[in-house]
Amino acid sequence: MVQSLKDRLRNKFNVSVAEIDHQDTWQRSTLAAVTVASDHTHAAKVLQSVEDDAAGMVGSALVNTNVEWIE
């Protein structure tokens, strides 16, 4: 499930996706999706779409989301 989610997000939204925590546990995973853009609004829309698509794919298994900005 994790690999297919990562592949789907990469292909659909052209973002970088990595599993950043809980690699040693099969029941849990933490993923990070990253995009780079010159326009904050565009980046926000892309990341919101990534979140919406991930939620649609994994449903209630998605426990938390967080967005961080580096400018």
PDB file of N, CA and C in Angstrom:
ATOM      1  N   MET A   1       0.813  -1.202   0.000  1.00  0.00           N
ATOM      2  CA  MET A   1       0.000   0.000   0.000  1.00  0.00           C
ATOM      3  C   MET A   1       0.857   1.266   0.000  1.00  0.00           C
ATOM      4  N   VAL A   2       1.918   1.284   0.810  1.00  0.00           N
ATOM      5  CA  VAL A   2       2.760   2.477   0.901  1.00  0.00           C
ATOM      6  C   VAL A   2       3.445   2.754  -0.432  1.00  0.00           C
ATOM      7  N   GLN A   3       4.019   1.727  -1.028  1.00  0.00           N
ATOM      8  CA  GLN A   3       4.721   1.930  -2.303  1.00  0.00           C
ATOM      9  C   GLN A   3       3.770   2.394  -3.399  1.00  0.00           C
ATOM     10  N   SER A   4       2.577   1.813  -3.445  1.00  0.00           N
ATOM     11  CA  SER A   4       1.628   2.229  -4.481  1.00  0.00           C
ATOM     12  C   SER A   4       1.156   3.663  -4.250  1.00  0.00           C
ATOM     13  N   LEU A   5       0.996   4.070  -2.993  1.00  0.00           N
ATOM     14  CA  LEU A   5       0.626   5.457  -2.697  1.00  0.00           C
ATOM     15  C   LEU A   5       1.743   6.404  -3.113  1.00  0.00           C
ATOM     16  N   LYS A   6       2.979   6.061  -2.772  1.00  0.00           N
ATOM     17  CA  LYS A   6       4.115   6.903  -3.161  1.00  0.00           C
ATOM     18  C   LYS A   6       4.197   7.040  -4.676  1.00  0.00           C
ATOM     19  N   ASP A   7       4.084   5.933  -5.382  1.00  0.00           N
ATOM     20  CA  ASP A   7       4.153   5.968  -6.846  1.00  0.00           C
ATOM     21  C   ASP A   7       3.029   6.800  -7.443  1.00  0.00           C
ATOM     22  N   ARG A   8       1.834   6.632  -6.914  1.00  0.00           N
ATOM     23  CA  ARG A   8       0.678   7.375  -7.428  1.00  0.00           C
ATOM     24  C   ARG A   8       0.871   8.884  -7.252  1.00  0.00           C
ATOM     25  N   LEU A   9       1.297   9.298  -6.061  1.00  0.00           N
ATOM     26  CA  LEU A   9       1.483  10.728  -5.799  1.00  0.00           C
ATOM     27  C   LEU A   9       2.597  11.314  -6.667  1.00  0.00           C
ATOM     28  N   ARG A  10       3.687  10.572  -6.823  1.00  0.00           N
ATOM     29  CA  ARG A  10       4.786  11.030  -7.693  1.00  0.00           C
ATOM     30  C   ARG A  10       4.302  11.245  -9.122  1.00  0.00           C
ATOM     31  N   ASN A  11       3.613  10.253  -9.636  1.00  0.00           N
ATOM     32  CA  ASN A  11       3.189  10.293 -11.035  1.00  0.00           C
ATOM     33  C   ASN A  11       2.083  11.311 -11.297  1.00  0.00           C
ATOM     34  N   LYS A  12       1.143  11.405 -10.379  1.00  0.00           N
ATOM     35  CA  LYS A  12      -0.018  12.268 -10.604  1.00  0.00           C
ATOM     36  C   LYS A  12       0.288  13.756 -10.370  1.00  0.00           C
ATOM     37  N   PHE A  13       1.153  14.053  -9.379  1.00  0.00           N
ATOM     38  CA  PHE A  13       1.357  15.452  -8.986  1.00  0.00           C
ATOM     39  C   PHE A  13       2.782  15.957  -9.192  1.00  0.00           C
ATOM     40  N   ASN A  14       3.677  15.107  -9.691  1.00  0.00           N
ATOM     41  CA  ASN A  14       5.066  15.491  -9.924  1.00  0.00           C
ATOM     42  C   ASN A  14       5.712  16.049  -8.652  1.00  0.00           C
ATOM     43  N   VAL A  15       5.544  15.333  -7.548  1.00  0.00           N
ATOM     44  CA  VAL A  15       6.156  15.698  -6.274  1.00  0.00           C
ATOM     45  C   VAL A  15       7.162  14.622  -5.896  1.00  0.00           C
ATOM     46  N   SER A  16       8.077  14.973  -5.019  1.00  0.00           N
ATOM     47  CA  SER A  16       8.974  13.982  -4.444  1.00  0.00           C
ATOM     48  C   SER A  16       8.299  13.407  -3.206  1.00  0.00           C
ATOM     49  N   VAL A  17       8.359  12.093  -3.061  1.00  0.00           N
ATOM     50  CA  VAL A  17       7.715  11.432  -1.927  1.00  0.00           C
ATOM     51  C   VAL A  17       8.710  10.467  -1.311  1.00  0.00           C
ATOM     52  N   ALA A  18       8.816  10.504   0.020  1.00  0.00           N
ATOM     53  CA  ALA A  18       9.713   9.600   0.723  1.00  0.00           C
ATOM     54  C   ALA A  18       9.068   9.124   2.019  1.00  0.00           C
ATOM     55  N   GLU A  19       9.379   7.904   2.392  1.00  0.00           N
ATOM     56  CA  GLU A  19       8.968   7.380   3.686  1.00  0.00           C
ATOM     57  C   GLU A  19      10.012   7.854   4.687  1.00  0.00           C
ATOM     58  N   ILE A  20       9.605   8.682   5.657  1.00  0.00           N
ATOM     59  CA  ILE A  20      10.577   9.338   6.523  1.00  0.00           C
ATOM     60  C   ILE A  20      10.585   8.823   7.956  1.00  0.00           C
ATOM     61  N   ASP A  21       9.665   7.930   8.315  1.00  0.00           N
ATOM     62  CA  ASP A  21       9.654   7.384   9.669  1.00  0.00           C
ATOM     63  C   ASP A  21       8.879   6.076   9.688  1.00  0.00           C
ATOM     64  N   HIS A  22       9.119   5.288  10.693  1.00  0.00           N
ATOM     65  CA  HIS A  22       8.430   4.009  10.924  1.00  0.00           C
ATOM     66  C   HIS A  22       8.719   2.977   9.834  1.00  0.00           C
ATOM     67  N   GLN A  23       9.903   3.020   9.249  1.00  0.00           N
ATOM     68  CA  GLN A  23      10.249   2.053   8.212  1.00  0.00           C
ATOM     69  C   GLN A  23      10.321   0.631   8.754  1.00  0.00           C
ATOM     70  N   ASP A  24      10.503   0.487  10.060  1.00  0.00           N
ATOM     71  CA  ASP A  24      10.628  -0.836  10.652  1.00  0.00           C
ATOM     72  C   ASP A  24       9.299  -1.409  11.147  1.00  0.00           C
ATOM     73  N   THR A  25       8.195  -0.712  10.901  1.00  0.00           N
ATOM     74  CA  THR A  25       6.881  -1.160  11.336  1.00  0.00           C
ATOM     75  C   THR A  25       5.961  -1.275  10.136  1.00  0.00           C
ATOM     76  N   TRP A  26       5.344  -2.425   9.936  1.00  0.00           N
ATOM     77  CA  TRP A  26       4.500  -2.563   8.744  1.00  0.00           C
ATOM     78  C   TRP A  26       3.114  -1.982   8.939  1.00  0.00           C
ATOM     79  N   GLN A  27       2.677  -1.754  10.167  1.00  0.00           N
ATOM     80  CA  GLN A  27       1.337  -1.214  10.410  1.00  0.00           C
ATOM     81  C   GLN A  27       1.277   0.314  10.344  1.00  0.00           C
ATOM     82  N   ARG A  28       2.418   0.961  10.230  1.00  0.00           N
ATOM     83  CA  ARG A  28       2.450   2.419  10.333  1.00  0.00           C
ATOM     84  C   ARG A  28       3.519   2.975   9.402  1.00  0.00           C
ATOM     85  N   SER A  29       3.275   4.171   8.873  1.00  0.00           N
ATOM     86  CA  SER A  29       4.240   4.808   7.993  1.00  0.00           C
ATOM     87  C   SER A  29       4.077   6.317   8.059  1.00  0.00           C
ATOM     88  N   THR A  30       5.161   7.017   7.877  1.00  0.00           N
ATOM     89  CA  THR A  30       5.119   8.471   7.759  1.00  0.00           C
ATOM     90  C   THR A  30       5.738   8.837   6.422  1.00  0.00           C
ATOM     91  N   LEU A  31       4.963   9.544   5.608  1.00  0.00           N
ATOM     92  CA  LEU A  31       5.433   9.952   4.290  1.00  0.00           C
ATOM     93  C   LEU A  31       5.582  11.465   4.233  1.00  0.00           C
ATOM     94  N   ALA A  32       6.506  11.915   3.408  1.00  0.00           N
ATOM     95  CA  ALA A  32       6.661  13.337   3.131  1.00  0.00           C
ATOM     96  C   ALA A  32       6.550  13.533   1.629  1.00  0.00           C
ATOM     97  N   ALA A  33       5.770  14.519   1.235  1.00  0.00           N
ATOM     98  CA  ALA A  33       5.656  14.911  -0.171  1.00  0.00           C
ATOM     99  C   ALA A  33       6.195  16.336  -0.277  1.00  0.00           C
ATOM    100  N   VAL A  34       7.051  16.554  -1.274  1.00  0.00           N
ATOM    101  CA  VAL A  34       7.725  17.842  -1.406  1.00  0.00           C
ATOM    102  C   VAL A  34       7.542  18.377  -2.814  1.00  0.00           C
ATOM    103  N   THR A  35       7.274  19.668  -2.888  1.00  0.00           N
ATOM    104  CA  THR A  35       7.227  20.339  -4.184  1.00  0.00           C
ATOM    105  C   THR A  35       8.020  21.638  -4.083  1.00  0.00           C
ATOM    106  N   VAL A  36       8.522  22.096  -5.209  1.00  0.00           N
ATOM    107  CA  VAL A  36       9.247  23.363  -5.286  1.00  0.00           C
ATOM    108  C   VAL A  36       8.531  24.216  -6.315  1.00  0.00           C
ATOM    109  N   ALA A  37       8.246  25.462  -5.942  1.00  0.00           N
ATOM    110  CA  ALA A  37       7.535  26.358  -6.853  1.00  0.00           C
ATOM    111  C   ALA A  37       7.931  27.801  -6.560  1.00  0.00           C
ATOM    112  N   SER A  38       7.843  28.629  -7.566  1.00  0.00           N
ATOM    113  CA  SER A  38       8.133  30.050  -7.368  1.00  0.00           C
ATOM    114  C   SER A  38       6.924  30.797  -6.822  1.00  0.00           C
ATOM    115  N   ASP A  39       5.771  30.144  -6.849  1.00  0.00           N
ATOM    116  CA  ASP A  39       4.525  30.766  -6.410  1.00  0.00           C
ATOM    117  C   ASP A  39       3.943  29.981  -5.234  1.00  0.00           C
ATOM    118  N   HIS A  40       3.801  30.625  -4.091  1.00  0.00           N
ATOM    119  CA  HIS A  40       3.287  29.990  -2.889  1.00  0.00           C
ATOM    120  C   HIS A  40       1.894  29.412  -3.112  1.00  0.00           C
ATOM    121  N   THR A  41       1.047  30.123  -3.821  1.00  0.00           N
ATOM    122  CA  THR A  41      -0.324  29.674  -4.067  1.00  0.00           C
ATOM    123  C   THR A  41      -0.339  28.367  -4.857  1.00  0.00           C
ATOM    124  N   HIS A  42       0.490  28.275  -5.872  1.00  0.00           N
ATOM    125  CA  HIS A  42       0.559  27.056  -6.676  1.00  0.00           C
ATOM    126  C   HIS A  42       1.039  25.877  -5.821  1.00  0.00           C
ATOM    127  N   ALA A  43       2.076  26.094  -5.037  1.00  0.00           N
ATOM    128  CA  ALA A  43       2.599  25.027  -4.175  1.00  0.00           C
ATOM    129  C   ALA A  43       1.531  24.565  -3.185  1.00  0.00           C
ATOM    130  N   ALA A  44       0.792  25.506  -2.620  1.00  0.00           N
ATOM    131  CA  ALA A  44      -0.268  25.155  -1.673  1.00  0.00           C
ATOM    132  C   ALA A  44      -1.352  24.315  -2.343  1.00  0.00           C
ATOM    133  N   LYS A  45      -1.719  24.665  -3.564  1.00  0.00           N
ATOM    134  CA  LYS A  45      -2.732  23.891  -4.292  1.00  0.00           C
ATOM    135  C   LYS A  45      -2.248  22.482  -4.597  1.00  0.00           C
ATOM    136  N   VAL A  46      -0.991  22.356  -4.995  1.00  0.00           N
ATOM    137  CA  VAL A  46      -0.427  21.035  -5.296  1.00  0.00           C
ATOM    138  C   VAL A  46      -0.441  20.174  -4.036  1.00  0.00           C
ATOM    139  N   LEU A  47       0.039  20.728  -2.927  1.00  0.00           N
ATOM    140  CA  LEU A  47       0.097  19.945  -1.691  1.00  0.00           C
ATOM    141  C   LEU A  47      -1.292  19.599  -1.159  1.00  0.00           C
ATOM    142  N   GLN A  48      -2.250  20.486  -1.344  1.00  0.00           N
ATOM    143  CA  GLN A  48      -3.629  20.171  -0.939  1.00  0.00           C
ATOM    144  C   GLN A  48      -4.182  19.041  -1.795  1.00  0.00           C
ATOM    145  N   SER A  49      -3.868  19.058  -3.077  1.00  0.00           N
ATOM    146  CA  SER A  49      -4.309  17.974  -3.966  1.00  0.00           C
ATOM    147  C   SER A  49      -3.660  16.654  -3.582  1.00  0.00           C
ATOM    148  N   VAL A  50      -2.392  16.695  -3.209  1.00  0.00           N
ATOM    149  CA  VAL A  50      -1.695  15.488  -2.747  1.00  0.00           C
ATOM    150  C   VAL A  50      -2.394  14.939  -1.506  1.00  0.00           C
ATOM    151  N   GLU A  51      -2.689  15.819  -0.559  1.00  0.00           N
ATOM    152  CA  GLU A  51      -3.371  15.399   0.672  1.00  0.00           C
ATOM    153  C   GLU A  51      -4.747  14.809   0.369  1.00  0.00           C
ATOM    154  N   ASP A  52      -5.504  15.465  -0.486  1.00  0.00           N
ATOM    155  CA  ASP A  52      -6.844  14.980  -0.833  1.00  0.00           C
ATOM    156  C   ASP A  52      -6.784  13.614  -1.511  1.00  0.00           C
ATOM    157  N   ASP A  53      -5.843  13.447  -2.418  1.00  0.00           N
ATOM    158  CA  ASP A  53      -5.720  12.187  -3.132  1.00  0.00           C
ATOM    159  C   ASP A  53      -5.282  11.067  -2.187  1.00  0.00           C
ATOM    160  N   ALA A  54      -4.330  11.353  -1.307  1.00  0.00           N
ATOM    161  CA  ALA A  54      -3.878  10.356  -0.333  1.00  0.00           C
ATOM    162  C   ALA A  54      -5.034   9.951   0.581  1.00  0.00           C
ATOM    163  N   ALA A  55      -5.803  10.930   1.025  1.00  0.00           N
ATOM    164  CA  ALA A  55      -6.950  10.632   1.886  1.00  0.00           C
ATOM    165  C   ALA A  55      -7.972   9.779   1.158  1.00  0.00           C
ATOM    166  N   GLY A  56      -8.170  10.058  -0.109  1.00  0.00           N
ATOM    167  CA  GLY A  56      -9.102   9.257  -0.896  1.00  0.00           C
ATOM    168  C   GLY A  56      -8.628   7.836  -1.093  1.00  0.00           C
ATOM    169  N   MET A  57      -7.320   7.648  -1.156  1.00  0.00           N
ATOM    170  CA  MET A  57      -6.776   6.321  -1.388  1.00  0.00           C
ATOM    171  C   MET A  57      -6.716   5.484  -0.110  1.00  0.00           C
ATOM    172  N   VAL A  58      -6.327   6.077   1.011  1.00  0.00           N
ATOM    173  CA  VAL A  58      -6.160   5.296   2.239  1.00  0.00           C
ATOM    174  C   VAL A  58      -7.295   5.481   3.236  1.00  0.00           C
ATOM    175  N   GLY A  59      -8.180   6.441   2.990  1.00  0.00           N
ATOM    176  CA  GLY A  59      -9.352   6.634   3.851  1.00  0.00           C
ATOM    177  C   GLY A  59      -8.987   6.961   5.287  1.00  0.00           C
ATOM    178  N   SER A  60      -9.637   6.269   6.215  1.00  0.00           N
ATOM    179  CA  SER A  60      -9.452   6.571   7.636  1.00  0.00           C
ATOM    180  C   SER A  60      -8.084   6.152   8.158  1.00  0.00           C
ATOM    181  N   ALA A  61      -7.295   5.472   7.349  1.00  0.00           N
ATOM    182  CA  ALA A  61      -5.938   5.119   7.764  1.00  0.00           C
ATOM    183  C   ALA A  61      -5.026   6.352   7.790  1.00  0.00           C
ATOM    184  N   LEU A  62      -5.453   7.432   7.135  1.00  0.00           N
ATOM    185  CA  LEU A  62      -4.691   8.687   7.180  1.00  0.00           C
ATOM    186  C   LEU A  62      -5.022   9.377   8.496  1.00  0.00           C
ATOM    187  N   VAL A  63      -4.044   9.451   9.377  1.00  0.00           N
ATOM    188  CA  VAL A  63      -4.281   9.934  10.733  1.00  0.00           C
ATOM    189  C   VAL A  63      -4.021  11.428  10.865  1.00  0.00           C
ATOM    190  N   ASN A  64      -2.977  11.928  10.200  1.00  0.00           N
ATOM    191  CA  ASN A  64      -2.586  13.314  10.404  1.00  0.00           C
ATOM    192  C   ASN A  64      -1.873  13.841   9.161  1.00  0.00           C
ATOM    193  N   THR A  65      -2.003  15.133   8.937  1.00  0.00           N
ATOM    194  CA  THR A  65      -1.240  15.807   7.886  1.00  0.00           C
ATOM    195  C   THR A  65      -0.662  17.091   8.445  1.00  0.00           C
ATOM    196  N   ASN A  66       0.402  17.532   7.830  1.00  0.00           N
ATOM    197  CA  ASN A  66       1.071  18.747   8.265  1.00  0.00           C
ATOM    198  C   ASN A  66       1.774  19.360   7.063  1.00  0.00           C
ATOM    199  N   VAL A  67       1.731  20.671   6.942  1.00  0.00           N
ATOM    200  CA  VAL A  67       2.431  21.361   5.856  1.00  0.00           C
ATOM    201  C   VAL A  67       3.457  22.288   6.488  1.00  0.00           C
ATOM    202  N   GLU A  68       4.682  22.216   5.994  1.00  0.00           N
ATOM    203  CA  GLU A  68       5.756  23.107   6.429  1.00  0.00           C
ATOM    204  C   GLU A  68       6.273  23.863   5.219  1.00  0.00           C
ATOM    205  N   TRP A  69       6.600  25.127   5.407  1.00  0.00           N
ATOM    206  CA  TRP A  69       7.102  25.963   4.312  1.00  0.00           C
ATOM    207  C   TRP A  69       8.537  26.366   4.591  1.00  0.00           C
ATOM    208  N   ILE A  70       9.372  26.257   3.596  1.00  0.00           N
ATOM    209  CA  ILE A  70      10.742  26.760   3.655  1.00  0.00           C
ATOM    210  C   ILE A  70      10.858  27.825   2.577  1.00  0.00           C
ATOM    211  N   GLU A  71      11.144  29.005   2.980  1.00  0.00           N
ATOM    212  CA  GLU A  71      11.227  30.097   2.012  1.00  0.00           C
ATOM    213  C   GLU A  71      12.611  30.675   1.973  1.00  0.00           C
TER     214      GLU A  71
END
